[in-house]
Amino acid sequence: MGENNTPDQHPPSNRARLRAAVVPVLALAVVLAGCLVAWNGQMKSSFGWFAYAPLSNDFISGSGMAFVTQGTQIGLPIAVAGLLVLAFWAGFRLGRRSRRRL
């Protein structure tokens, strides 16, 4: 206990400060990388088809259908992982802040 019956607070070390700054920056970089992978994968795909149904004398066209490309399938989970890290980091920081006030 310090003066006025308040608990002693140690200043955060340089390592803790560096970690507090690096984690959100890396998580944001992961989110951006995932979004870029998803966006670039989406732009490269071009797919078209049609089918003829001889019994009904009608044809089926694939216009208006959306296919999820492999780039989008890879990029979106990467972006979600980065968002999860950011959410965990924010909750951790808020929890530490509220614990210090007690």
C-alpha atoms as a PDB file:
ATOM      1  CA  MET A   1       0.000   0.000   0.000  1.00  0.00           C
ATOM      2  CA  GLY A   2       1.210   3.468  -0.815  1.00  0.00           C
ATOM      3  CA  GLU A   3       0.230   6.821   0.555  1.00  0.00           C
ATOM      4  CA  ASN A   4      -3.412   7.442   1.441  1.00  0.00           C
ATOM      5  CA  ASN A   5      -4.048   3.685   1.504  1.00  0.00           C
ATOM      6  CA  THR A   6      -3.953   3.378  -2.292  1.00  0.00           C
ATOM      7  CA  PRO A   7      -2.313   0.370  -3.874  1.00  0.00           C
ATOM      8  CA  ASP A   8       1.066   0.935  -5.455  1.00  0.00           C
ATOM      9  CA  GLN A   9       0.879   1.128  -9.196  1.00  0.00           C
ATOM     10  CA  HIS A  10       3.891   0.153 -11.177  1.00  0.00           C
ATOM     11  CA  PRO A  11       4.375   1.976 -14.457  1.00  0.00           C
ATOM     12  CA  PRO A  12       4.010  -0.350 -17.426  1.00  0.00           C
ATOM     13  CA  SER A  13       7.258  -1.680 -18.801  1.00  0.00           C
ATOM     14  CA  ASN A  14       8.491  -0.862 -22.276  1.00  0.00           C
ATOM     15  CA  ARG A  15       7.689  -4.418 -23.311  1.00  0.00           C
ATOM     16  CA  ALA A  16       4.062  -4.059 -22.252  1.00  0.00           C
ATOM     17  CA  ARG A  17       3.755  -0.754 -24.090  1.00  0.00           C
ATOM     18  CA  LEU A  18       5.229  -2.266 -27.238  1.00  0.00           C
ATOM     19  CA  ARG A  19       2.900  -5.263 -27.027  1.00  0.00           C
ATOM     20  CA  ALA A  20      -0.096  -2.983 -26.473  1.00  0.00           C
ATOM     21  CA  ALA A  21       0.769  -1.106 -29.675  1.00  0.00           C
ATOM     22  CA  VAL A  22       1.836  -4.035 -31.855  1.00  0.00           C
ATOM     23  CA  VAL A  23      -1.156  -6.353 -31.344  1.00  0.00           C
ATOM     24  CA  PRO A  24      -3.841  -4.018 -32.738  1.00  0.00           C
ATOM     25  CA  VAL A  25      -1.612  -2.889 -35.609  1.00  0.00           C
ATOM     26  CA  LEU A  26      -0.927  -6.496 -36.627  1.00  0.00           C
ATOM     27  CA  ALA A  27      -4.616  -7.381 -36.289  1.00  0.00           C
ATOM     28  CA  LEU A  28      -5.580  -4.459 -38.528  1.00  0.00           C
ATOM     29  CA  ALA A  29      -2.968  -5.572 -41.048  1.00  0.00           C
ATOM     30  CA  VAL A  30      -4.479  -9.077 -41.037  1.00  0.00           C
ATOM     31  CA  VAL A  31      -7.974  -7.638 -41.572  1.00  0.00           C
ATOM     32  CA  LEU A  32      -6.771  -5.524 -44.486  1.00  0.00           C
ATOM     33  CA  ALA A  33      -4.859  -8.432 -46.018  1.00  0.00           C
ATOM     34  CA  GLY A  34      -7.923 -10.657 -45.786  1.00  0.00           C
ATOM     35  CA  CYS A  35     -10.103  -8.010 -47.400  1.00  0.00           C
ATOM     36  CA  LEU A  36      -7.580  -7.514 -50.203  1.00  0.00           C
ATOM     37  CA  VAL A  37      -7.363 -11.257 -50.863  1.00  0.00           C
ATOM     38  CA  ALA A  38     -11.159 -11.514 -50.930  1.00  0.00           C
ATOM     39  CA  TRP A  39     -11.498  -8.474 -53.208  1.00  0.00           C
ATOM     40  CA  ASN A  40      -8.798  -9.563 -55.669  1.00  0.00           C
ATOM     41  CA  GLY A  41     -10.168 -13.086 -55.826  1.00  0.00           C
ATOM     42  CA  GLN A  42     -13.595 -11.726 -56.635  1.00  0.00           C
ATOM     43  CA  MET A  43     -12.418  -9.524 -59.485  1.00  0.00           C
ATOM     44  CA  LYS A  44     -10.651 -12.316 -61.397  1.00  0.00           C
ATOM     45  CA  SER A  45     -13.554 -14.692 -61.708  1.00  0.00           C
ATOM     46  CA  SER A  46     -15.691 -14.789 -64.773  1.00  0.00           C
ATOM     47  CA  PHE A  47     -18.005 -17.675 -65.270  1.00  0.00           C
ATOM     48  CA  GLY A  48     -20.949 -18.137 -67.558  1.00  0.00           C
ATOM     49  CA  TRP A  49     -23.074 -21.029 -68.609  1.00  0.00           C
ATOM     50  CA  PHE A  50     -26.438 -22.032 -69.905  1.00  0.00           C
ATOM     51  CA  ALA A  51     -28.264 -25.313 -70.144  1.00  0.00           C
ATOM     52  CA  TYR A  52     -30.926 -26.594 -72.463  1.00  0.00           C
ATOM     53  CA  ALA A  53     -33.744 -28.685 -71.094  1.00  0.00           C
ATOM     54  CA  PRO A  54     -34.989 -30.615 -74.136  1.00  0.00           C
ATOM     55  CA  LEU A  55     -38.087 -32.077 -72.517  1.00  0.00           C
ATOM     56  CA  SER A  56     -39.561 -28.734 -71.513  1.00  0.00           C
ATOM     57  CA  ASN A  57     -38.271 -26.805 -74.575  1.00  0.00           C
ATOM     58  CA  ASP A  58     -36.843 -24.170 -72.248  1.00  0.00           C
ATOM     59  CA  PHE A  59     -33.354 -23.049 -71.376  1.00  0.00           C
ATOM     60  CA  ILE A  60     -31.783 -22.182 -68.039  1.00  0.00           C
ATOM     61  CA  SER A  61     -29.409 -19.264 -67.790  1.00  0.00           C
ATOM     62  CA  GLY A  62     -26.994 -18.602 -64.961  1.00  0.00           C
ATOM     63  CA  SER A  63     -27.204 -14.829 -65.149  1.00  0.00           C
ATOM     64  CA  GLY A  64     -27.750 -13.228 -61.789  1.00  0.00           C
ATOM     65  CA  MET A  65     -26.154 -16.107 -59.896  1.00  0.00           C
ATOM     66  CA  ALA A  66     -23.222 -15.384 -57.639  1.00  0.00           C
ATOM     67  CA  PHE A  67     -20.427 -17.844 -57.079  1.00  0.00           C
ATOM     68  CA  VAL A  68     -18.000 -17.472 -54.195  1.00  0.00           C
ATOM     69  CA  THR A  69     -14.474 -17.677 -55.535  1.00  0.00           C
ATOM     70  CA  GLN A  70     -11.595 -19.392 -53.796  1.00  0.00           C
ATOM     71  CA  GLY A  71      -9.976 -16.027 -53.079  1.00  0.00           C
ATOM     72  CA  THR A  72     -13.111 -14.880 -51.283  1.00  0.00           C
ATOM     73  CA  GLN A  73     -13.296 -18.160 -49.381  1.00  0.00           C
ATOM     74  CA  ILE A  74      -9.738 -17.657 -48.162  1.00  0.00           C
ATOM     75  CA  GLY A  75      -9.817 -13.887 -47.619  1.00  0.00           C
ATOM     76  CA  LEU A  76     -12.969 -13.567 -45.546  1.00  0.00           C
ATOM     77  CA  PRO A  77     -11.917 -16.023 -42.793  1.00  0.00           C
ATOM     78  CA  ILE A  78      -8.558 -14.238 -42.588  1.00  0.00           C
ATOM     79  CA  ALA A  79     -10.347 -10.920 -42.109  1.00  0.00           C
ATOM     80  CA  VAL A  80     -12.669 -12.448 -39.509  1.00  0.00           C
ATOM     81  CA  ALA A  81      -9.668 -13.833 -37.603  1.00  0.00           C
ATOM     82  CA  GLY A  82      -8.144 -10.352 -37.506  1.00  0.00           C
ATOM     83  CA  LEU A  83     -11.425  -8.906 -36.240  1.00  0.00           C
ATOM     84  CA  LEU A  84     -11.570 -11.565 -33.521  1.00  0.00           C
ATOM     85  CA  VAL A  85      -8.058 -10.649 -32.381  1.00  0.00           C
ATOM     86  CA  LEU A  86      -9.062  -6.973 -32.291  1.00  0.00           C
ATOM     87  CA  ALA A  87     -12.183  -7.785 -30.257  1.00  0.00           C
ATOM     88  CA  PHE A  88     -10.186  -9.897 -27.811  1.00  0.00           C
ATOM     89  CA  TRP A  89      -7.560  -7.182 -27.455  1.00  0.00           C
ATOM     90  CA  ALA A  90     -10.181  -4.463 -26.846  1.00  0.00           C
ATOM     91  CA  GLY A  91     -11.948  -6.586 -24.223  1.00  0.00           C
ATOM     92  CA  PHE A  92      -8.666  -7.389 -22.526  1.00  0.00           C
ATOM     93  CA  ARG A  93      -7.670  -3.727 -22.379  1.00  0.00           C
ATOM     94  CA  LEU A  94     -11.077  -2.656 -21.057  1.00  0.00           C
ATOM     95  CA  GLY A  95     -10.942  -5.389 -18.419  1.00  0.00           C
ATOM     96  CA  ARG A  96      -7.512  -4.313 -17.255  1.00  0.00           C
ATOM     97  CA  ARG A  97      -8.624  -0.687 -17.102  1.00  0.00           C
ATOM     98  CA  SER A  98     -11.671  -1.489 -14.952  1.00  0.00           C
ATOM     99  CA  ARG A  99      -9.592  -3.735 -12.665  1.00  0.00           C
ATOM    100  CA  ARG A 100      -7.146  -0.875 -12.021  1.00  0.00           C
ATOM    101  CA  ARG A 101      -9.958   1.374 -10.808  1.00  0.00           C
ATOM    102  CA  LEU A 102     -11.079  -1.109  -8.140  1.00  0.00           C
END
